């Protein structure tokens, strides 16, 4: 019988790896940290296009093999940060950490796409989406991951990602802080025995994490992507879970998300401690998780007048783009106008009622899609999307 999971206690006592306290993770800083603290656990798997090393970190002594990989997309760091927090958790003396260490061997690829990670871009340096390169194998990064799977039989795989701030939970006005997916193995989305196993573990995650994060967990549509990694690993017979870190209110640097993501990883491992034959027992509960919906903008200004006739107003939606600038240690946000018109059926993470105030810009008579969000609404001055007295 496995150690009891006390999710509330875990939430209150979870420590983070404080050396990494920014959302941006510098590849060299990460490698130096791994070599310093986990040298005996590291195996060099190969190199990126720009000859940056890609390591496998192995921890645990158990018979069940679990593969985890992070930053297949370079600008998605929550998985990397949460795995670092998981490693810190596994150093603890508590019973659950010990049992995980004894029952599992965790093979972790931290930062599969270091070239894209360094410059904060989704794709690798050749502009290839590594997560759509499973069949063509044009990138060295995907070849490294596939070769790893050829060398060992894995009982479970965790594919760790971030999702944009646009996602909500079903038809609600709640943002999706975490989302999960048991990938399909065919266009008809057949629920195979392998899928049932990953679906069952996700259902267990949802049941536990909802206790501390209500109304903020969703599941992705299970449309089949024949070129993607998760779909193909599941097709090969490895139960695969997609983890997505999303938006928590007022948490654009994703420190709250990071914590819940880590707790979800621990919960998944706790669920997997059970006999493998029982993983699928509650798979039908997975289908009850609300679906991810594209329902949010970062900021919406409601009831903006574009002419002297204030009776006819529009909504202006603003979305942040993320950049890492030279010599900076964390990402910066640049706000741009994303949509104009009737947005009554969508939500903003921040909503401001302009009450008929008229739009004014030095360079444009009317707002334009993709223009930087620096303008005025009568006496209000908007800088980088926010009224002058507020910041992200």
Protein backbone atom coordinates (compact mmCIF):
# COMPACT_ATOMS: atom_id res chain seq x y z
CA UNK A 1 0.00 0.00 0.00
CA UNK A 2 1.47 3.34 -1.05
CA UNK A 3 2.02 6.33 1.21
CA UNK A 4 -1.05 8.53 1.65
CA UNK A 5 -1.09 11.70 -0.44
CA UNK A 6 -1.93 14.76 1.66
CA UNK A 7 -2.22 17.41 -1.01
CA UNK A 8 -3.09 20.31 1.30
CA UNK A 9 -0.04 19.63 3.47
CA UNK A 10 2.12 19.32 0.37
CA UNK A 11 0.90 22.65 -0.94
CA UNK A 12 1.71 24.38 2.33
CA UNK A 13 5.17 22.86 2.71
CA UNK A 14 6.50 22.57 -0.83
CA UNK A 15 9.89 24.22 -1.33
CA UNK A 16 11.10 25.67 -4.61
CA UNK A 17 14.60 25.56 -6.06
CA UNK A 18 15.34 29.20 -5.26
CA UNK A 19 18.45 29.40 -7.44
CA UNK A 20 15.96 29.54 -10.32
CA UNK A 21 13.50 32.24 -9.31
CA UNK A 22 12.83 33.74 -12.75
CA UNK A 23 10.55 32.47 -15.46
CA UNK A 24 13.43 32.59 -17.93
CA UNK A 25 15.94 29.75 -17.54
CA UNK A 26 19.37 30.37 -19.02
CA UNK A 27 20.72 27.14 -20.60
CA UNK A 28 24.26 27.65 -19.31
CA UNK A 29 23.06 28.41 -15.79
CA UNK A 30 20.93 25.24 -15.87
CA UNK A 31 23.80 23.08 -17.14
CA UNK A 32 26.21 24.49 -14.53
CA UNK A 33 23.64 23.74 -11.81
CA UNK A 34 23.10 20.18 -13.00
CA UNK A 35 26.83 19.45 -13.24
CA UNK A 36 27.44 20.91 -9.79
CA UNK A 37 24.58 19.15 -8.02
CA UNK A 38 23.81 16.01 -10.07
CA UNK A 39 27.04 15.17 -11.89
CA UNK A 40 26.84 11.46 -11.02
CA UNK A 41 23.27 11.31 -12.33
CA UNK A 42 23.95 12.89 -15.72
CA UNK A 43 24.39 11.26 -19.11
CA UNK A 44 25.27 13.35 -22.15
CA UNK A 45 22.77 12.42 -24.86
CA UNK A 46 24.00 14.70 -27.60
CA UNK A 47 24.03 18.29 -28.78
CA UNK A 48 21.63 20.83 -30.17
CA UNK A 49 22.11 22.50 -33.56
CA UNK A 50 24.25 25.15 -31.84
CA UNK A 51 26.24 22.46 -30.03
CA UNK A 52 24.70 23.00 -26.62
CA UNK A 53 24.75 19.81 -24.51
CA UNK A 54 21.52 17.91 -23.89
CA UNK A 55 21.61 15.72 -20.77
CA UNK A 56 19.56 12.94 -19.27
CA UNK A 57 19.32 13.15 -15.50
CA UNK A 58 18.46 9.80 -13.92
CA UNK A 59 17.22 9.58 -10.35
CA UNK A 60 15.67 6.77 -8.36
CA UNK A 61 16.37 3.06 -8.08
CA UNK A 62 12.98 1.56 -8.89
CA UNK A 63 11.90 -0.93 -11.52
CA UNK A 64 9.24 1.31 -13.09
CA UNK A 65 10.83 3.59 -15.69
CA UNK A 66 9.35 7.03 -16.30
CA UNK A 67 10.55 9.46 -18.96
CA UNK A 68 10.06 13.22 -18.52
CA UNK A 69 11.16 15.93 -20.92
CA UNK A 70 10.90 19.71 -20.74
CA UNK A 71 11.27 22.70 -23.05
CA UNK A 72 10.74 20.91 -26.29
CA UNK A 73 9.39 24.41 -26.96
CA UNK A 74 12.07 26.84 -25.84
CA UNK A 75 9.76 29.48 -24.38
CA UNK A 76 7.89 27.05 -22.12
CA UNK A 77 9.84 26.90 -18.87
CA UNK A 78 7.28 25.92 -16.23
CA UNK A 79 8.00 22.23 -16.73
CA UNK A 80 11.75 22.79 -16.25
CA UNK A 81 11.24 24.85 -13.09
CA UNK A 82 8.73 22.37 -11.68
CA UNK A 83 11.06 19.42 -12.32
CA UNK A 84 13.79 21.27 -10.43
CA UNK A 85 11.31 21.67 -7.56
CA UNK A 86 10.43 17.97 -7.85
CA UNK A 87 14.11 17.07 -7.54
CA UNK A 88 14.31 19.18 -4.39
CA UNK A 89 11.22 17.41 -3.05
CA UNK A 90 12.81 14.01 -3.68
CA UNK A 91 15.75 14.99 -1.46
CA UNK A 92 13.36 15.29 1.49
CA UNK A 93 13.08 12.70 4.21
CA UNK A 94 9.30 12.33 3.95
CA UNK A 95 7.77 8.92 3.23
CA UNK A 96 6.29 9.80 -0.16
CA UNK A 97 9.58 11.11 -1.54
CA UNK A 98 11.35 7.97 -0.36
CA UNK A 99 8.75 5.70 -1.91
CA UNK A 100 8.91 7.50 -5.25
CA UNK A 101 12.72 7.21 -5.19
CA UNK A 102 12.55 3.49 -4.37
CA UNK A 103 9.80 2.50 -6.82
CA UNK A 104 10.75 4.55 -9.89
CA UNK A 105 13.69 5.36 -12.08
CA UNK A 106 13.06 8.83 -13.48
CA UNK A 107 14.89 9.71 -16.69
CA UNK A 108 14.59 13.46 -17.14
CA UNK A 109 15.61 15.50 -20.17
CA UNK A 110 15.72 19.05 -18.85
CA UNK A 111 15.55 21.51 -21.74
CA UNK A 112 15.40 19.43 -24.91
CA UNK A 113 15.60 22.59 -27.04
CA UNK A 114 18.35 24.75 -25.46
CA UNK A 115 18.88 26.87 -28.58
CA UNK A 116 15.27 28.01 -28.63
CA UNK A 117 15.31 28.33 -24.85
CA UNK A 118 18.21 30.77 -24.89
CA UNK A 119 16.46 33.21 -27.21
CA UNK A 120 12.94 32.54 -25.88
CA UNK A 121 11.34 31.07 -28.96
CA UNK A 122 9.04 28.10 -29.41
CA UNK A 123 11.00 26.53 -32.27
CA UNK A 124 14.60 25.41 -32.46
CA UNK A 125 17.30 27.50 -34.11
CA UNK A 126 16.40 26.02 -37.54
CA UNK A 127 12.80 27.22 -37.01
CA UNK A 128 11.57 23.65 -36.68
CA UNK A 129 8.80 22.88 -34.21
CA UNK A 130 10.41 19.90 -32.49
CA UNK A 131 6.98 18.67 -31.40
CA UNK A 132 5.97 18.30 -35.04
CA UNK A 133 9.20 16.64 -36.16
CA UNK A 134 8.61 13.07 -34.96
CA UNK A 135 8.31 11.57 -38.45
CA UNK A 136 10.74 13.72 -40.45
CA UNK A 137 13.49 13.82 -37.78
CA UNK A 138 14.98 16.98 -39.29
CA UNK A 139 16.14 18.26 -35.89
CA UNK A 140 18.89 16.69 -33.78
CA UNK A 141 16.75 17.34 -30.70
CA UNK A 142 13.97 14.97 -31.74
CA UNK A 143 16.49 12.31 -32.75
CA UNK A 144 17.99 12.50 -29.26
CA UNK A 145 14.61 11.98 -27.63
CA UNK A 146 13.63 9.12 -29.92
CA UNK A 147 16.97 7.37 -29.45
CA UNK A 148 16.44 7.52 -25.70
CA UNK A 149 13.12 5.70 -26.03
CA UNK A 150 14.74 3.02 -28.16
CA UNK A 151 17.23 2.21 -25.39
CA UNK A 152 14.80 1.39 -22.58
CA UNK A 153 11.25 0.23 -21.99
CA UNK A 154 9.33 3.07 -20.34
CA UNK A 155 6.22 2.47 -18.27
CA UNK A 156 5.10 6.08 -18.45
CA UNK A 157 6.02 9.38 -20.16
CA UNK A 158 5.42 12.98 -19.07
CA UNK A 159 5.49 15.59 -21.85
CA UNK A 160 5.84 18.97 -20.10
CA UNK A 161 4.70 22.22 -21.73
CA UNK A 162 3.25 25.70 -21.20
CA UNK A 163 0.10 27.06 -22.80
CA UNK A 164 -0.80 30.64 -23.63
CA UNK A 165 -2.92 32.91 -21.48
CA UNK A 166 -5.81 32.64 -23.97
CA UNK A 167 -7.15 29.39 -22.51
CA UNK A 168 -10.08 29.04 -20.14
CA UNK A 169 -11.94 26.22 -18.43
CA UNK A 170 -14.92 25.19 -20.55
CA UNK A 171 -17.62 27.85 -20.75
CA UNK A 172 -16.66 29.45 -17.43
CA UNK A 173 -14.85 32.72 -16.79
CA UNK A 174 -11.96 30.88 -15.12
CA UNK A 175 -8.52 30.73 -16.71
CA UNK A 176 -6.92 27.31 -17.22
CA UNK A 177 -3.94 27.24 -14.86
CA UNK A 178 -3.27 23.59 -15.63
CA UNK A 179 -4.40 21.50 -18.58
CA UNK A 180 -3.81 17.85 -19.38
CA UNK A 181 -4.16 15.50 -22.30
CA UNK A 182 -4.05 11.80 -22.95
CA UNK A 183 -3.06 11.97 -26.64
CA UNK A 184 -4.95 10.07 -29.31
CA UNK A 185 -3.33 7.30 -31.28
CA UNK A 186 -5.53 7.56 -34.38
CA UNK A 187 -7.82 9.98 -36.19
CA UNK A 188 -10.90 8.28 -34.77
CA UNK A 189 -9.60 8.99 -31.24
CA UNK A 190 -9.89 5.36 -30.17
CA UNK A 191 -9.66 4.82 -26.42
CA UNK A 192 -7.08 2.04 -26.30
CA UNK A 193 -5.91 0.21 -23.20
CA UNK A 194 -2.76 2.36 -23.22
CA UNK A 195 -4.82 5.56 -23.40
CA UNK A 196 -6.99 4.33 -20.55
CA UNK A 197 -3.88 4.13 -18.35
CA UNK A 198 -2.81 7.71 -19.01
CA UNK A 199 -6.42 8.92 -18.79
CA UNK A 200 -6.77 7.22 -15.40
CA UNK A 201 -3.67 8.90 -13.99
CA UNK A 202 -4.83 12.31 -15.27
CA UNK A 203 -8.21 11.71 -13.61
CA UNK A 204 -6.37 11.07 -10.34
CA UNK A 205 -4.38 14.30 -10.76
CA UNK A 206 -7.59 16.23 -11.38
CA UNK A 207 -9.31 14.75 -8.35
CA UNK A 208 -6.49 15.77 -6.01
CA UNK A 209 -5.33 19.10 -7.43
CA UNK A 210 -8.91 20.38 -7.72
CA UNK A 211 -8.99 20.35 -3.92
CA UNK A 212 -6.46 23.19 -3.86
CA UNK A 213 -7.04 24.66 -7.34
CA UNK A 214 -10.81 24.55 -7.98
CA UNK A 215 -12.25 25.54 -11.36
CA UNK A 216 -8.85 26.08 -12.98
CA UNK A 217 -8.01 22.72 -14.55
CA UNK A 218 -8.97 21.67 -18.08
CA UNK A 219 -8.20 19.01 -20.68
CA UNK A 220 -7.10 19.51 -24.23
CA UNK A 221 -9.07 18.39 -27.22
CA UNK A 222 -7.76 14.97 -28.23
CA UNK A 223 -7.50 15.67 -31.93
CA UNK A 224 -4.90 13.34 -33.41
CA UNK A 225 -1.62 14.94 -34.53
CA UNK A 226 0.28 12.35 -36.60
CA UNK A 227 3.58 14.30 -36.45
CA UNK A 228 3.61 15.04 -32.72
CA UNK A 229 5.65 13.30 -30.05
CA UNK A 230 2.97 12.50 -27.47
CA UNK A 231 0.61 10.92 -29.97
CA UNK A 232 3.37 8.74 -31.37
CA UNK A 233 4.79 7.66 -28.00
CA UNK A 234 1.31 6.65 -26.91
CA UNK A 235 0.89 4.87 -30.24
CA UNK A 236 4.12 2.98 -29.49
CA UNK A 237 2.58 1.69 -26.25
CA UNK A 238 3.95 4.18 -23.70
CA UNK A 239 1.16 5.74 -21.61
CA UNK A 240 1.82 9.44 -22.17
CA UNK A 241 0.58 12.46 -20.25
CA UNK A 242 0.74 15.99 -21.61
CA UNK A 243 1.09 18.62 -18.84
CA UNK A 244 0.39 22.27 -19.70
CA UNK A 245 1.14 25.17 -17.36
CA UNK A 246 -1.23 28.07 -17.97
CA UNK A 247 -2.31 31.36 -16.44
CA UNK A 248 -3.15 31.98 -12.79
CA UNK A 249 -4.67 35.42 -12.03
CA UNK A 250 -2.01 38.16 -11.80
CA UNK A 251 0.76 35.59 -12.18
CA UNK A 252 2.40 36.40 -15.51
CA UNK A 253 5.76 35.16 -14.25
CA UNK A 254 4.03 31.86 -13.39
CA UNK A 255 5.28 31.33 -9.88
CA UNK A 256 1.85 30.13 -8.70
CA UNK A 257 1.49 27.99 -11.81
CA UNK A 258 4.92 26.51 -11.13
CA UNK A 259 3.82 25.38 -7.68
CA UNK A 260 0.62 23.71 -8.89
CA UNK A 261 2.51 22.12 -11.80
CA UNK A 262 4.99 20.59 -9.33
CA UNK A 263 2.16 19.32 -7.15
CA UNK A 264 0.57 17.76 -10.25
CA UNK A 265 3.85 15.95 -11.01
CA UNK A 266 4.02 14.58 -7.47
CA UNK A 267 0.36 13.54 -7.64
CA UNK A 268 0.93 11.74 -10.94
CA UNK A 269 3.85 9.82 -9.45
CA UNK A 270 1.81 8.97 -6.38
CA UNK A 271 -0.96 7.61 -8.61
CA UNK A 272 1.56 5.58 -10.61
CA UNK A 273 2.81 3.90 -7.42
CA UNK A 274 -0.23 1.65 -7.64
CA UNK A 275 -0.07 -1.56 -9.61
CA UNK A 276 -0.02 -0.76 -13.33
CA UNK A 277 -3.12 -2.86 -13.89
CA UNK A 278 -5.13 -0.36 -11.82
CA UNK A 279 -4.01 2.82 -13.59
CA UNK A 280 -7.01 2.69 -15.93
CA UNK A 281 -9.64 2.04 -13.24
CA UNK A 282 -11.10 5.54 -13.21
CA UNK A 283 -10.34 6.50 -16.82
CA UNK A 284 -13.95 7.53 -17.51
CA UNK A 285 -13.56 10.36 -14.99
CA UNK A 286 -11.04 11.90 -17.37
CA UNK A 287 -13.86 12.59 -19.82
CA UNK A 288 -15.65 14.67 -17.17
CA UNK A 289 -12.80 17.21 -16.95
CA UNK A 290 -13.92 20.47 -18.67
CA UNK A 291 -12.32 21.10 -22.03
CA UNK A 292 -9.83 23.87 -22.72
CA UNK A 293 -11.49 26.81 -24.43
CA UNK A 294 -9.97 29.75 -26.30
CA UNK A 295 -11.83 32.41 -24.34
CA UNK A 296 -9.39 34.96 -22.88
CA UNK A 297 -7.36 38.03 -23.73
CA UNK A 298 -4.86 39.55 -21.34
CA UNK A 299 -6.71 42.91 -21.14
CA UNK A 300 -10.04 44.10 -22.51
CA UNK A 301 -11.10 47.72 -22.53
CA UNK A 302 -14.89 47.71 -22.71
CA UNK A 303 -17.12 50.41 -24.22
CA UNK A 304 -14.51 52.47 -26.09
CA UNK A 305 -15.78 55.19 -28.40
CA UNK A 306 -14.13 55.43 -31.83
CA UNK A 307 -16.03 58.54 -32.89
CA UNK A 308 -17.98 61.40 -31.34
CA UNK A 309 -21.05 59.15 -31.23
CA UNK A 310 -20.43 57.52 -27.86
CA UNK A 311 -23.57 55.42 -28.24
CA UNK A 312 -21.67 53.16 -30.60
CA UNK A 313 -18.76 51.66 -28.69
CA UNK A 314 -16.41 48.72 -29.17
CA UNK A 315 -14.20 46.55 -27.04
CA UNK A 316 -10.43 46.58 -27.51
CA UNK A 317 -8.52 43.42 -26.63
CA UNK A 318 -4.83 43.49 -25.77
CA UNK A 319 -2.40 40.58 -25.69
CA UNK A 320 1.16 40.43 -24.43
CA UNK A 321 4.08 39.20 -26.49
CA UNK A 322 7.03 37.86 -24.52
CA UNK A 323 10.70 38.63 -25.18
CA UNK A 324 14.07 38.14 -23.56
CA UNK A 325 16.23 41.18 -24.20
CA UNK A 326 20.07 41.12 -24.12
CA UNK A 327 21.62 41.33 -20.66
CA UNK A 328 18.23 40.84 -18.95
CA UNK A 329 17.59 37.96 -16.56
CA UNK A 330 13.86 37.59 -17.10
CA UNK A 331 11.34 38.05 -19.86
CA UNK A 332 9.64 41.31 -20.75
CA UNK A 333 6.07 41.83 -21.91
CA UNK A 334 5.10 43.99 -24.89
CA UNK A 335 1.37 44.68 -25.21
CA UNK A 336 -0.29 44.85 -28.62
CA UNK A 337 -3.86 45.29 -29.78
CA UNK A 338 -5.19 41.86 -30.72
CA UNK A 339 -8.87 42.45 -31.54
CA UNK A 340 -11.42 45.25 -31.89
CA UNK A 341 -15.18 44.96 -31.87
CA UNK A 342 -17.84 43.03 -29.98
CA UNK A 343 -16.01 40.87 -27.44
CA UNK A 344 -18.97 40.34 -25.15
CA UNK A 345 -18.60 36.57 -25.43
CA UNK A 346 -14.93 36.59 -24.33
CA UNK A 347 -13.11 37.42 -21.09
CA UNK A 348 -10.12 39.51 -20.11
CA UNK A 349 -7.72 38.59 -17.33
CA UNK A 350 -8.10 42.28 -16.62
CA UNK A 351 -11.19 44.19 -17.76
CA UNK A 352 -11.63 47.97 -17.66
CA UNK A 353 -14.86 49.78 -18.49
CA UNK A 354 -13.91 52.86 -20.51
CA UNK A 355 -17.48 54.20 -20.12
CA UNK A 356 -17.54 55.74 -23.58
CA UNK A 357 -14.13 57.39 -23.44
CA UNK A 358 -12.82 58.10 -26.89
CA UNK A 359 -9.75 56.44 -28.41
CA UNK A 360 -6.84 58.70 -29.39
CA UNK A 361 -3.39 57.90 -30.74
CA UNK A 362 -0.74 60.20 -32.17
CA UNK A 363 -0.08 57.86 -35.08
CA UNK A 364 -3.48 56.30 -35.79
CA UNK A 365 -6.98 57.76 -35.92
CA UNK A 366 -8.41 54.36 -35.04
CA UNK A 367 -6.93 51.37 -33.22
CA UNK A 368 -5.19 48.86 -35.46
CA UNK A 369 -4.58 45.17 -35.02
CA UNK A 370 -1.01 44.45 -33.92
CA UNK A 371 -0.22 48.08 -33.01
CA UNK A 372 1.58 48.54 -29.72
CA UNK A 373 -0.91 49.32 -26.97
CA UNK A 374 0.15 52.91 -26.25
CA UNK A 375 -2.80 55.27 -26.63
CA UNK A 376 -5.27 57.46 -24.77
CA UNK A 377 -8.90 57.06 -23.81
CA UNK A 378 -9.77 60.71 -23.22
CA UNK A 379 -7.90 61.60 -20.01
CA UNK A 380 -6.67 58.03 -19.47
CA UNK A 381 -3.12 57.37 -20.62
CA UNK A 382 -2.49 53.77 -21.63
CA UNK A 383 1.14 52.62 -21.69
CA UNK A 384 2.02 49.07 -22.71
CA UNK A 385 -1.62 48.09 -22.34
CA UNK A 386 -2.16 49.44 -18.83
CA UNK A 387 -3.47 52.67 -17.42
CA UNK A 388 -0.43 54.71 -16.47
CA UNK A 389 -0.75 54.05 -12.74
CA UNK A 390 -0.70 50.24 -13.13
CA UNK A 391 1.81 47.66 -14.32
CA UNK A 392 1.73 43.96 -15.20
